[in-house]
C-alpha atoms as a PDB file:
ATOM      1  CA  MET A   1      -0.173   0.028   0.090  1.00  0.00           C
ATOM      2  CA  ASN A   2       1.150   3.731  -0.640  1.00  0.00           C
ATOM      3  CA  ILE A   3       1.704   6.155   1.959  1.00  0.00           C
ATOM      4  CA  ARG A   4       1.788   9.635   2.122  1.00  0.00           C
ATOM      5  CA  TYR A   5       2.821  11.968   5.068  1.00  0.00           C
ATOM      6  CA  PHE A   6       2.038  15.765   5.296  1.00  0.00           C
ATOM      7  CA  ALA A   7       3.072  18.643   7.201  1.00  0.00           C
ATOM      8  CA  TRP A   8       4.637  17.750  10.952  1.00  0.00           C
ATOM      9  CA  VAL A   9       3.817  13.877  10.089  1.00  0.00           C
ATOM     10  CA  ARG A  10       5.926  13.616   7.280  1.00  0.00           C
ATOM     11  CA  GLU A  11       8.687  15.548   9.359  1.00  0.00           C
ATOM     12  CA  ARG A  12       8.179  12.552  12.031  1.00  0.00           C
ATOM     13  CA  VAL A  13       8.316  10.176  10.062  1.00  0.00           C
ATOM     14  CA  GLY A  14      11.329  11.352   7.784  1.00  0.00           C
ATOM     15  CA  VAL A  15      10.019  10.799   4.574  1.00  0.00           C
ATOM     16  CA  GLU A  16       7.292  12.297   2.380  1.00  0.00           C
ATOM     17  CA  GLU A  17       5.812   8.237   1.404  1.00  0.00           C
ATOM     18  CA  GLU A  18       6.460   4.865   1.300  1.00  0.00           C
ATOM     19  CA  THR A  19       4.992   1.720  -0.078  1.00  0.00           C
ATOM     20  CA  ILE A  20       4.892  -0.886   2.362  1.00  0.00           C
ATOM     21  CA  GLU A  21       3.499  -4.218   2.509  1.00  0.00           C
ATOM     22  CA  LEU A  22       0.724  -4.644   5.160  1.00  0.00           C
ATOM     23  CA  PRO A  23      -0.092  -8.326   7.048  1.00  0.00           C
ATOM     24  CA  ALA A  24      -3.102  -9.372   6.862  1.00  0.00           C
ATOM     25  CA  SER A  25      -4.384  -8.739  10.254  1.00  0.00           C
ATOM     26  CA  VAL A  26      -4.168  -4.576   9.216  1.00  0.00           C
ATOM     27  CA  ALA A  27      -8.208  -4.208   7.974  1.00  0.00           C
ATOM     28  CA  THR A  28      -8.947  -0.714   8.879  1.00  0.00           C
ATOM     29  CA  VAL A  29      -7.235   3.024   9.706  1.00  0.00           C
ATOM     30  CA  ALA A  30      -6.657   2.245  13.066  1.00  0.00           C
ATOM     31  CA  ASP A  31      -5.094  -1.182  12.396  1.00  0.00           C
ATOM     32  CA  LEU A  32      -2.334   0.704  10.158  1.00  0.00           C
ATOM     33  CA  ILE A  33      -1.979   3.274  12.615  1.00  0.00           C
ATOM     34  CA  THR A  34      -1.222   0.863  15.327  1.00  0.00           C
ATOM     35  CA  HIS A  35       1.068  -1.198  12.780  1.00  0.00           C
ATOM     36  CA  LEU A  36       2.703   1.954  11.609  1.00  0.00           C
ATOM     37  CA  LYS A  37       3.605   2.896  15.241  1.00  0.00           C
ATOM     38  CA  THR A  38       5.776  -0.334  15.051  1.00  0.00           C
ATOM     39  CA  LEU A  39       7.760  -0.361  12.617  1.00  0.00           C
ATOM     40  CA  ASP A  40       9.969   2.294  14.162  1.00  0.00           C
ATOM     41  CA  ASP A  41      10.618   5.255  16.517  1.00  0.00           C
ATOM     42  CA  ASN A  42      10.073   7.628  14.182  1.00  0.00           C
ATOM     43  CA  HIS A  43       6.438   6.539  12.763  1.00  0.00           C
ATOM     44  CA  ALA A  44       5.867   5.771  16.288  1.00  0.00           C
ATOM     45  CA  ALA A  45       6.154   9.543  17.745  1.00  0.00           C
ATOM     46  CA  ALA A  46       4.621  10.480  14.147  1.00  0.00           C
ATOM     47  CA  PHE A  47       1.162   8.857  15.605  1.00  0.00           C
ATOM     48  CA  GLU A  48       1.751   9.435  19.093  1.00  0.00           C
ATOM     49  CA  GLU A  49      -1.077  11.889  19.241  1.00  0.00           C
ATOM     50  CA  GLU A  50      -3.226   9.834  16.871  1.00  0.00           C
ATOM     51  CA  ASP A  51      -6.144  11.950  17.953  1.00  0.00           C
ATOM     52  CA  ALA A  52      -4.736  14.759  15.997  1.00  0.00           C
ATOM     53  CA  ILE A  53      -4.077  13.082  12.307  1.00  0.00           C
ATOM     54  CA  ARG A  54      -6.532  12.961   9.921  1.00  0.00           C
ATOM     55  CA  VAL A  55      -6.574  10.264   7.109  1.00  0.00           C
ATOM     56  CA  ALA A  56      -7.562  10.127   3.318  1.00  0.00           C
ATOM     57  CA  LEU A  57      -8.259   6.340   1.488  1.00  0.00           C
ATOM     58  CA  ASP A  58      -7.966   7.198  -2.389  1.00  0.00           C
ATOM     59  CA  GLN A  59      -8.477  11.191  -1.910  1.00  0.00           C
ATOM     60  CA  MET A  60     -11.283  11.114   0.768  1.00  0.00           C
ATOM     61  CA  HIS A  61     -11.310  12.010   3.964  1.00  0.00           C
ATOM     62  CA  VAL A  62     -12.681   9.269   6.208  1.00  0.00           C
ATOM     63  CA  GLU A  63     -12.138   8.015   9.841  1.00  0.00           C
ATOM     64  CA  THR A  64     -10.275   5.605  11.742  1.00  0.00           C
ATOM     65  CA  ASP A  65     -12.648   2.709  11.707  1.00  0.00           C
ATOM     66  CA  ALA A  66     -13.098   2.950   7.839  1.00  0.00           C
ATOM     67  CA  SER A  67     -11.793  -0.439   6.531  1.00  0.00           C
ATOM     68  CA  LEU A  68      -9.290   0.010   3.902  1.00  0.00           C
ATOM     69  CA  GLY A  69     -10.682  -2.287   1.276  1.00  0.00           C
ATOM     70  CA  ASN A  70      -9.287  -2.158  -1.856  1.00  0.00           C
ATOM     71  CA  ALA A  71      -7.907   1.308  -1.158  1.00  0.00           C
ATOM     72  CA  ARG A  72      -4.316   2.101  -3.628  1.00  0.00           C
ATOM     73  CA  GLU A  73      -3.338   5.428  -0.961  1.00  0.00           C
ATOM     74  CA  VAL A  74      -3.590   6.379   2.466  1.00  0.00           C
ATOM     75  CA  ALA A  75      -2.517   9.931   3.217  1.00  0.00           C
ATOM     76  CA  PHE A  76      -2.151  11.038   7.081  1.00  0.00           C
ATOM     77  CA  PHE A  77      -2.103  14.366   7.902  1.00  0.00           C
ATOM     78  CA  PRO A  78      -2.956  17.513  10.490  1.00  0.00           C
ATOM     79  CA  PRO A  79      -6.280  19.045  11.075  1.00  0.00           C
ATOM     80  CA  MET A  80      -6.337  22.384   8.429  1.00  0.00           C
ATOM     81  CA  THR A  81      -6.713  25.315   9.598  1.00  0.00           C
ATOM     82  CA  GLY A  82      -7.977  29.037   7.945  1.00  0.00           C
ATOM     83  CA  GLY A  83      -6.480  31.740   7.266  1.00  0.00           C
END
């Protein structure tokens, strides 16, 4: 699965995007976040405040209980602010 990171999430992970093979047990966005936290210290730090992170599957905003289904891309980013 292709995973993209934006803003401070990208800074903490250390890469803009990556492609990873997901275990069969990863079925939802929440499962994916749990899995990513186990990859290394950078990923763990990026998802330390997971309530502050928004997610999109194939460029559509979803909640963390959303199924990954056949999504090709997951994007993680902080909440947007107006200005």
